[in-house]
Amino acid sequence: MVATDDSLSRGTILLVDDTLENLDVLDDLLTGQGYEVRRAIDGAMALRAVAAAPPDLILLDIMMPGMDGYEVCARLKADGNNWGIPVVFISALDDDEDKVRGVEAGGADYIPKPFQAAEVAAQVETHLPNALLQQILADRGGAGGAGAGGAPVAPAGETPGGSVGLLRGRARAGLNDELAAALGCHGSVSGRHDGGHRVGGLSILS
């Protein structure tokens, strides 16, 4: 999970993709940004990885052999201990129906393939602070109550995984400042680590 010390912007990201080239590119990008990265090459491995040590964010491919990304996400969100983990789908499927299905499964956002590294970095920077804030609120008893296992309860009418517009709106409304206030810090908290790693102009395979 995300540390609550001087390295607030770091977190653990689980990459789930059956294409090793994609895993390599994402791993290089995100470790260069200062994140801890774990890998899974299929849905079953992803579920085991989350059960063993929940990550702070999941980048999840959709088209995988056996269990597809939609099913993986739905199974994760069915567990009250996991619904607060943001799941960002990555897929060559780019129809509106595919995006809607992702949100219905509990996804927080959607990135089409092939995509730019800068877009991946932006998604991580958007959703990790939200996950950390939820974690802090859950540890403090949560705002609006807690569910089984201490997991925060989703507001009425809100899918546990959230919606793309809702999560982006929270980020734009100053989520980082809210996070800093919750931690008793001054100023805003950024989810980005430059780390001397250039994030633009790098495409990930389909």
C-alpha atoms as a PDB file:
ATOM      1  CA  MET A   1       0.000   0.000   0.000  1.00  0.00           C
ATOM      2  CA  VAL A   2       0.975   3.664  -0.268  1.00  0.00           C
ATOM      3  CA  ALA A   3       3.476   4.855   2.327  1.00  0.00           C
ATOM      4  CA  THR A   4       2.539   7.800   4.532  1.00  0.00           C
ATOM      5  CA  ASP A   5       6.017   9.248   5.031  1.00  0.00           C
ATOM      6  CA  ASP A   6       8.141  11.597   2.979  1.00  0.00           C
ATOM      7  CA  SER A   7       7.595   9.472  -0.140  1.00  0.00           C
ATOM      8  CA  LEU A   8       3.842  10.088  -0.253  1.00  0.00           C
ATOM      9  CA  SER A   9       3.649  10.109  -4.028  1.00  0.00           C
ATOM     10  CA  ARG A  10       4.970   6.543  -4.300  1.00  0.00           C
ATOM     11  CA  GLY A  11       2.646   3.566  -4.395  1.00  0.00           C
ATOM     12  CA  THR A  12       2.345  -0.048  -5.481  1.00  0.00           C
ATOM     13  CA  ILE A  13       0.934  -0.730  -8.928  1.00  0.00           C
ATOM     14  CA  LEU A  14      -0.104  -4.158 -10.193  1.00  0.00           C
ATOM     15  CA  LEU A  15       0.293  -4.600 -13.953  1.00  0.00           C
ATOM     16  CA  VAL A  16      -1.909  -7.273 -15.534  1.00  0.00           C
ATOM     17  CA  ASP A  17      -1.265  -8.078 -19.185  1.00  0.00           C
ATOM     18  CA  ASP A  18      -0.592 -11.272 -21.124  1.00  0.00           C
ATOM     19  CA  THR A  19       1.825  -9.442 -23.458  1.00  0.00           C
ATOM     20  CA  LEU A  20       5.296  -9.371 -21.935  1.00  0.00           C
ATOM     21  CA  GLU A  21       6.384  -6.420 -24.093  1.00  0.00           C
ATOM     22  CA  ASN A  22       3.611  -4.314 -22.585  1.00  0.00           C
ATOM     23  CA  LEU A  23       4.604  -5.351 -19.074  1.00  0.00           C
ATOM     24  CA  ASP A  24       8.228  -4.429 -19.782  1.00  0.00           C
ATOM     25  CA  VAL A  25       7.332  -0.969 -21.100  1.00  0.00           C
ATOM     26  CA  LEU A  26       4.930  -0.199 -18.262  1.00  0.00           C
ATOM     27  CA  ASP A  27       7.349  -1.531 -15.656  1.00  0.00           C
ATOM     28  CA  ASP A  28      10.173   0.628 -16.974  1.00  0.00           C
ATOM     29  CA  LEU A  29       7.993   3.716 -17.115  1.00  0.00           C
ATOM     30  CA  LEU A  30       6.463   3.391 -13.660  1.00  0.00           C
ATOM     31  CA  THR A  31       9.588   2.314 -11.788  1.00  0.00           C
ATOM     32  CA  GLY A  32      11.299   5.285 -13.408  1.00  0.00           C
ATOM     33  CA  GLN A  33       8.580   7.448 -11.898  1.00  0.00           C
ATOM     34  CA  GLY A  34       9.299   6.065  -8.412  1.00  0.00           C
ATOM     35  CA  TYR A  35       6.484   3.497  -8.072  1.00  0.00           C
ATOM     36  CA  GLU A  36       6.789  -0.087  -6.900  1.00  0.00           C
ATOM     37  CA  VAL A  37       5.607  -2.386  -9.673  1.00  0.00           C
ATOM     38  CA  ARG A  38       4.297  -5.941  -9.543  1.00  0.00           C
ATOM     39  CA  ARG A  39       3.283  -8.101 -12.506  1.00  0.00           C
ATOM     40  CA  ALA A  40       0.657 -10.678 -13.417  1.00  0.00           C
ATOM     41  CA  ILE A  41       0.302 -12.335 -16.807  1.00  0.00           C
ATOM     42  CA  ASP A  42      -3.302 -13.519 -16.432  1.00  0.00           C
ATOM     43  CA  GLY A  43      -6.446 -12.982 -14.394  1.00  0.00           C
ATOM     44  CA  ALA A  44      -5.959 -15.839 -11.964  1.00  0.00           C
ATOM     45  CA  MET A  45      -2.457 -14.650 -11.112  1.00  0.00           C
ATOM     46  CA  ALA A  46      -3.783 -11.111 -10.630  1.00  0.00           C
ATOM     47  CA  LEU A  47      -6.422 -12.282  -8.135  1.00  0.00           C
ATOM     48  CA  ARG A  48      -3.819 -14.233  -6.189  1.00  0.00           C
ATOM     49  CA  ALA A  49      -1.486 -11.231  -6.157  1.00  0.00           C
ATOM     50  CA  VAL A  50      -4.204  -8.948  -4.773  1.00  0.00           C
ATOM     51  CA  ALA A  51      -5.188 -11.493  -2.131  1.00  0.00           C
ATOM     52  CA  ALA A  52      -1.563 -11.827  -1.012  1.00  0.00           C
ATOM     53  CA  ALA A  53      -0.811  -8.091  -0.874  1.00  0.00           C
ATOM     54  CA  PRO A  54      -3.349  -5.532  -2.165  1.00  0.00           C
ATOM     55  CA  PRO A  55      -1.778  -2.939  -4.481  1.00  0.00           C
ATOM     56  CA  ASP A  56      -2.712   0.735  -4.521  1.00  0.00           C
ATOM     57  CA  LEU A  57      -3.723   0.703  -8.197  1.00  0.00           C
ATOM     58  CA  ILE A  58      -4.209  -1.893 -10.933  1.00  0.00           C
ATOM     59  CA  LEU A  59      -3.559  -1.425 -14.653  1.00  0.00           C
ATOM     60  CA  LEU A  60      -5.621  -4.232 -16.178  1.00  0.00           C
ATOM     61  CA  ASP A  61      -5.702  -5.544 -19.729  1.00  0.00           C
ATOM     62  CA  ILE A  62      -9.100  -6.728 -20.974  1.00  0.00           C
ATOM     63  CA  MET A  63      -8.376  -9.280 -23.684  1.00  0.00           C
ATOM     64  CA  MET A  64      -6.560 -12.112 -21.923  1.00  0.00           C
ATOM     65  CA  PRO A  65      -6.876 -15.889 -22.275  1.00  0.00           C
ATOM     66  CA  GLY A  66      -9.091 -17.624 -19.752  1.00  0.00           C
ATOM     67  CA  MET A  67     -10.416 -14.883 -17.483  1.00  0.00           C
ATOM     68  CA  ASP A  68     -10.793 -11.512 -19.197  1.00  0.00           C
ATOM     69  CA  GLY A  69     -10.242  -8.154 -17.516  1.00  0.00           C
ATOM     70  CA  TYR A  70     -13.943  -7.516 -16.965  1.00  0.00           C
ATOM     71  CA  GLU A  71     -14.309 -10.693 -14.937  1.00  0.00           C
ATOM     72  CA  VAL A  72     -11.135  -9.992 -12.975  1.00  0.00           C
ATOM     73  CA  CYS A  73     -12.387  -6.532 -12.043  1.00  0.00           C
ATOM     74  CA  ALA A  74     -15.860  -7.782 -11.123  1.00  0.00           C
ATOM     75  CA  ARG A  75     -14.388 -10.438  -8.830  1.00  0.00           C
ATOM     76  CA  LEU A  76     -12.132  -7.886  -7.175  1.00  0.00           C
ATOM     77  CA  LYS A  77     -14.964  -5.440  -6.590  1.00  0.00           C
ATOM     78  CA  ALA A  78     -17.191  -8.178  -5.161  1.00  0.00           C
ATOM     79  CA  ASP A  79     -14.775  -8.330  -2.231  1.00  0.00           C
ATOM     80  CA  GLY A  80     -15.417  -5.421   0.134  1.00  0.00           C
ATOM     81  CA  ASN A  81     -11.732  -5.336   1.025  1.00  0.00           C
ATOM     82  CA  ASN A  82     -10.757  -4.580  -2.573  1.00  0.00           C
ATOM     83  CA  TRP A  83     -13.408  -2.279  -4.016  1.00  0.00           C
ATOM     84  CA  GLY A  84     -11.421   0.842  -3.098  1.00  0.00           C
ATOM     85  CA  ILE A  85      -8.464  -0.204  -5.276  1.00  0.00           C
ATOM     86  CA  PRO A  86      -8.686   1.806  -8.522  1.00  0.00           C
ATOM     87  CA  VAL A  87      -8.687  -0.372 -11.629  1.00  0.00           C
ATOM     88  CA  VAL A  88      -7.701   1.324 -14.879  1.00  0.00           C
ATOM     89  CA  PHE A  89      -8.416  -0.796 -17.930  1.00  0.00           C
ATOM     90  CA  ILE A  90      -5.926  -0.898 -20.800  1.00  0.00           C
ATOM     91  CA  SER A  91      -7.190  -2.375 -24.049  1.00  0.00           C
ATOM     92  CA  ALA A  92      -7.325  -2.155 -27.821  1.00  0.00           C
ATOM     93  CA  LEU A  93     -11.124  -2.354 -27.414  1.00  0.00           C
ATOM     94  CA  ASP A  94     -12.191   1.265 -27.762  1.00  0.00           C
ATOM     95  CA  ASP A  95     -15.931   1.181 -28.451  1.00  0.00           C
ATOM     96  CA  ASP A  96     -18.289   3.037 -26.158  1.00  0.00           C
ATOM     97  CA  GLU A  97     -19.894  -0.276 -25.188  1.00  0.00           C
ATOM     98  CA  ASP A  98     -16.523  -1.584 -24.029  1.00  0.00           C
ATOM     99  CA  LYS A  99     -15.946   1.496 -21.894  1.00  0.00           C
ATOM    100  CA  VAL A 100     -19.421   1.277 -20.366  1.00  0.00           C
ATOM    101  CA  ARG A 101     -18.889  -2.387 -19.603  1.00  0.00           C
ATOM    102  CA  GLY A 102     -15.628  -1.501 -17.888  1.00  0.00           C
ATOM    103  CA  VAL A 103     -17.329   1.045 -15.649  1.00  0.00           C
ATOM    104  CA  GLU A 104     -20.125  -1.410 -14.864  1.00  0.00           C
ATOM    105  CA  ALA A 105     -17.501  -3.965 -13.814  1.00  0.00           C
ATOM    106  CA  GLY A 106     -16.107  -1.415 -11.369  1.00  0.00           C
ATOM    107  CA  GLY A 107     -13.341   0.213 -13.411  1.00  0.00           C
ATOM    108  CA  ALA A 108     -12.194   3.708 -12.515  1.00  0.00           C
ATOM    109  CA  ASP A 109     -10.932   4.650 -15.978  1.00  0.00           C
ATOM    110  CA  TYR A 110     -10.015   3.355 -19.415  1.00  0.00           C
ATOM    111  CA  ILE A 111      -6.937   3.792 -21.613  1.00  0.00           C
ATOM    112  CA  PRO A 112      -7.062   2.620 -25.237  1.00  0.00           C
ATOM    113  CA  LYS A 113      -4.133   0.831 -26.872  1.00  0.00           C
ATOM    114  CA  PRO A 114      -1.771   1.813 -28.340  1.00  0.00           C
ATOM    115  CA  PHE A 115      -1.258   4.655 -25.897  1.00  0.00           C
ATOM    116  CA  GLN A 116       1.362   7.135 -24.852  1.00  0.00           C
ATOM    117  CA  ALA A 117       3.440   6.806 -21.706  1.00  0.00           C
ATOM    118  CA  ALA A 118       2.419  10.329 -20.716  1.00  0.00           C
ATOM    119  CA  GLU A 119      -1.211   9.190 -20.626  1.00  0.00           C
ATOM    120  CA  VAL A 120      -0.350   6.274 -18.358  1.00  0.00           C
ATOM    121  CA  ALA A 121       1.551   8.597 -16.011  1.00  0.00           C
ATOM    122  CA  ALA A 122      -1.398  11.012 -15.941  1.00  0.00           C
ATOM    123  CA  GLN A 123      -3.866   8.254 -15.059  1.00  0.00           C
ATOM    124  CA  VAL A 124      -1.670   7.030 -12.230  1.00  0.00           C
ATOM    125  CA  GLU A 125      -1.258  10.577 -10.917  1.00  0.00           C
ATOM    126  CA  THR A 126      -5.033  11.021 -10.978  1.00  0.00           C
ATOM    127  CA  HIS A 127      -6.098   7.831  -9.249  1.00  0.00           C
ATOM    128  CA  LEU A 128      -3.369   7.045  -6.704  1.00  0.00           C
ATOM    129  CA  PRO A 129      -4.089  10.107  -4.503  1.00  0.00           C
ATOM    130  CA  ASN A 130      -7.762   9.107  -4.460  1.00  0.00           C
ATOM    131  CA  ALA A 131      -6.829   5.592  -3.334  1.00  0.00           C
ATOM    132  CA  LEU A 132      -4.555   6.949  -0.615  1.00  0.00           C
ATOM    133  CA  LEU A 133      -7.257   9.290   0.659  1.00  0.00           C
ATOM    134  CA  GLN A 134      -9.729   6.402   0.844  1.00  0.00           C
ATOM    135  CA  GLN A 135      -7.144   4.384   2.743  1.00  0.00           C
ATOM    136  CA  ILE A 136      -6.591   7.193   5.251  1.00  0.00           C
ATOM    137  CA  LEU A 137     -10.324   7.703   5.761  1.00  0.00           C
ATOM    138  CA  ALA A 138     -10.818   3.963   6.257  1.00  0.00           C
ATOM    139  CA  ASP A 139      -8.017   3.881   8.825  1.00  0.00           C
ATOM    140  CA  ARG A 140      -9.684   6.750  10.685  1.00  0.00           C
ATOM    141  CA  GLY A 141     -13.100   5.148  10.585  1.00  0.00           C
ATOM    142  CA  GLY A 142     -14.017   6.598   7.199  1.00  0.00           C
ATOM    143  CA  ALA A 143     -16.287   9.426   6.193  1.00  0.00           C
ATOM    144  CA  GLY A 144     -19.790   8.064   5.803  1.00  0.00           C
ATOM    145  CA  GLY A 145     -19.188   4.813   7.623  1.00  0.00           C
ATOM    146  CA  ALA A 146     -17.307   1.606   7.042  1.00  0.00           C
ATOM    147  CA  GLY A 147     -18.301  -1.752   5.716  1.00  0.00           C
ATOM    148  CA  ALA A 148     -17.155  -5.261   6.421  1.00  0.00           C
ATOM    149  CA  GLY A 149     -13.481  -5.499   7.203  1.00  0.00           C
ATOM    150  CA  GLY A 150     -13.272  -1.756   7.739  1.00  0.00           C
ATOM    151  CA  ALA A 151     -13.679  -0.940   4.045  1.00  0.00           C
ATOM    152  CA  PRO A 152     -15.368   2.430   3.406  1.00  0.00           C
ATOM    153  CA  VAL A 153     -18.936   2.264   2.144  1.00  0.00           C
ATOM    154  CA  ALA A 154     -19.629   3.618  -1.323  1.00  0.00           C
ATOM    155  CA  PRO A 155     -22.107   6.527  -1.352  1.00  0.00           C
ATOM    156  CA  ALA A 156     -25.641   5.657  -2.399  1.00  0.00           C
ATOM    157  CA  GLY A 157     -25.968   5.315  -6.155  1.00  0.00           C
ATOM    158  CA  GLU A 158     -22.228   5.117  -6.722  1.00  0.00           C
ATOM    159  CA  THR A 159     -20.639   1.998  -8.182  1.00  0.00           C
ATOM    160  CA  PRO A 160     -17.911   0.802  -5.773  1.00  0.00           C
ATOM    161  CA  GLY A 161     -15.288   1.245  -8.496  1.00  0.00           C
ATOM    162  CA  GLY A 162     -16.527   4.756  -9.116  1.00  0.00           C
ATOM    163  CA  SER A 163     -17.059   6.386 -12.515  1.00  0.00           C
ATOM    164  CA  VAL A 164     -14.621   8.044 -14.848  1.00  0.00           C
ATOM    165  CA  GLY A 165     -16.267  11.442 -14.526  1.00  0.00           C
ATOM    166  CA  LEU A 166     -16.600  11.280 -10.744  1.00  0.00           C
ATOM    167  CA  LEU A 167     -12.987  10.359 -10.077  1.00  0.00           C
ATOM    168  CA  ARG A 168     -11.620  12.867 -12.561  1.00  0.00           C
ATOM    169  CA  GLY A 169     -13.877  15.522 -11.059  1.00  0.00           C
ATOM    170  CA  ARG A 170     -12.539  14.811  -7.582  1.00  0.00           C
ATOM    171  CA  ALA A 171      -8.984  15.101  -8.832  1.00  0.00           C
ATOM    172  CA  ARG A 172      -9.647  18.403 -10.575  1.00  0.00           C
ATOM    173  CA  ALA A 173     -11.440  19.760  -7.474  1.00  0.00           C
ATOM    174  CA  GLY A 174      -8.266  19.597  -5.448  1.00  0.00           C
ATOM    175  CA  LEU A 175      -8.058  16.034  -4.194  1.00  0.00           C
ATOM    176  CA  ASN A 176      -4.339  16.389  -3.575  1.00  0.00           C
ATOM    177  CA  ASP A 177      -4.919  19.352  -1.249  1.00  0.00           C
ATOM    178  CA  GLU A 178      -7.609  17.351   0.579  1.00  0.00           C
ATOM    179  CA  LEU A 179      -5.132  14.513   0.943  1.00  0.00           C
ATOM    180  CA  ALA A 180      -2.472  16.834   2.311  1.00  0.00           C
ATOM    181  CA  ALA A 181      -4.945  18.229   4.832  1.00  0.00           C
ATOM    182  CA  ALA A 182      -5.924  14.721   5.941  1.00  0.00           C
ATOM    183  CA  LEU A 183      -2.281  13.961   6.561  1.00  0.00           C
ATOM    184  CA  GLY A 184      -1.667  17.236   8.370  1.00  0.00           C
ATOM    185  CA  CYS A 185       0.746  18.386   5.661  1.00  0.00           C
ATOM    186  CA  HIS A 186       1.097  21.818   4.089  1.00  0.00           C
ATOM    187  CA  GLY A 187       0.608  22.430   0.396  1.00  0.00           C
ATOM    188  CA  SER A 188      -0.523  19.907  -2.176  1.00  0.00           C
ATOM    189  CA  VAL A 189       0.654  16.375  -2.723  1.00  0.00           C
ATOM    190  CA  SER A 190       1.690  15.327  -6.203  1.00  0.00           C
ATOM    191  CA  GLY A 191       1.477  11.787  -7.501  1.00  0.00           C
ATOM    192  CA  ARG A 192       4.332  12.358  -9.910  1.00  0.00           C
ATOM    193  CA  HIS A 193       7.981  11.453  -9.670  1.00  0.00           C
ATOM    194  CA  ASP A 194      10.055  12.904 -12.484  1.00  0.00           C
ATOM    195  CA  GLY A 195      13.052  10.773 -11.565  1.00  0.00           C
ATOM    196  CA  GLY A 196      14.817  11.905 -14.723  1.00  0.00           C
ATOM    197  CA  HIS A 197      12.589   9.583 -16.759  1.00  0.00           C
ATOM    198  CA  ARG A 198      11.011  11.048 -19.844  1.00  0.00           C
ATOM    199  CA  VAL A 199       7.369  10.015 -20.158  1.00  0.00           C
ATOM    200  CA  GLY A 200       6.411  11.479 -23.529  1.00  0.00           C
ATOM    201  CA  GLY A 201       6.580   9.864 -26.934  1.00  0.00           C
ATOM    202  CA  LEU A 202       6.597   6.224 -25.856  1.00  0.00           C
ATOM    203  CA  SER A 203       3.875   3.933 -27.178  1.00  0.00           C
ATOM    204  CA  ILE A 204       2.772   0.620 -25.730  1.00  0.00           C
ATOM    205  CA  LEU A 205       2.003  -2.327 -27.992  1.00  0.00           C
ATOM    206  CA  SER A 206      -1.543  -3.411 -28.773  1.00  0.00           C
END
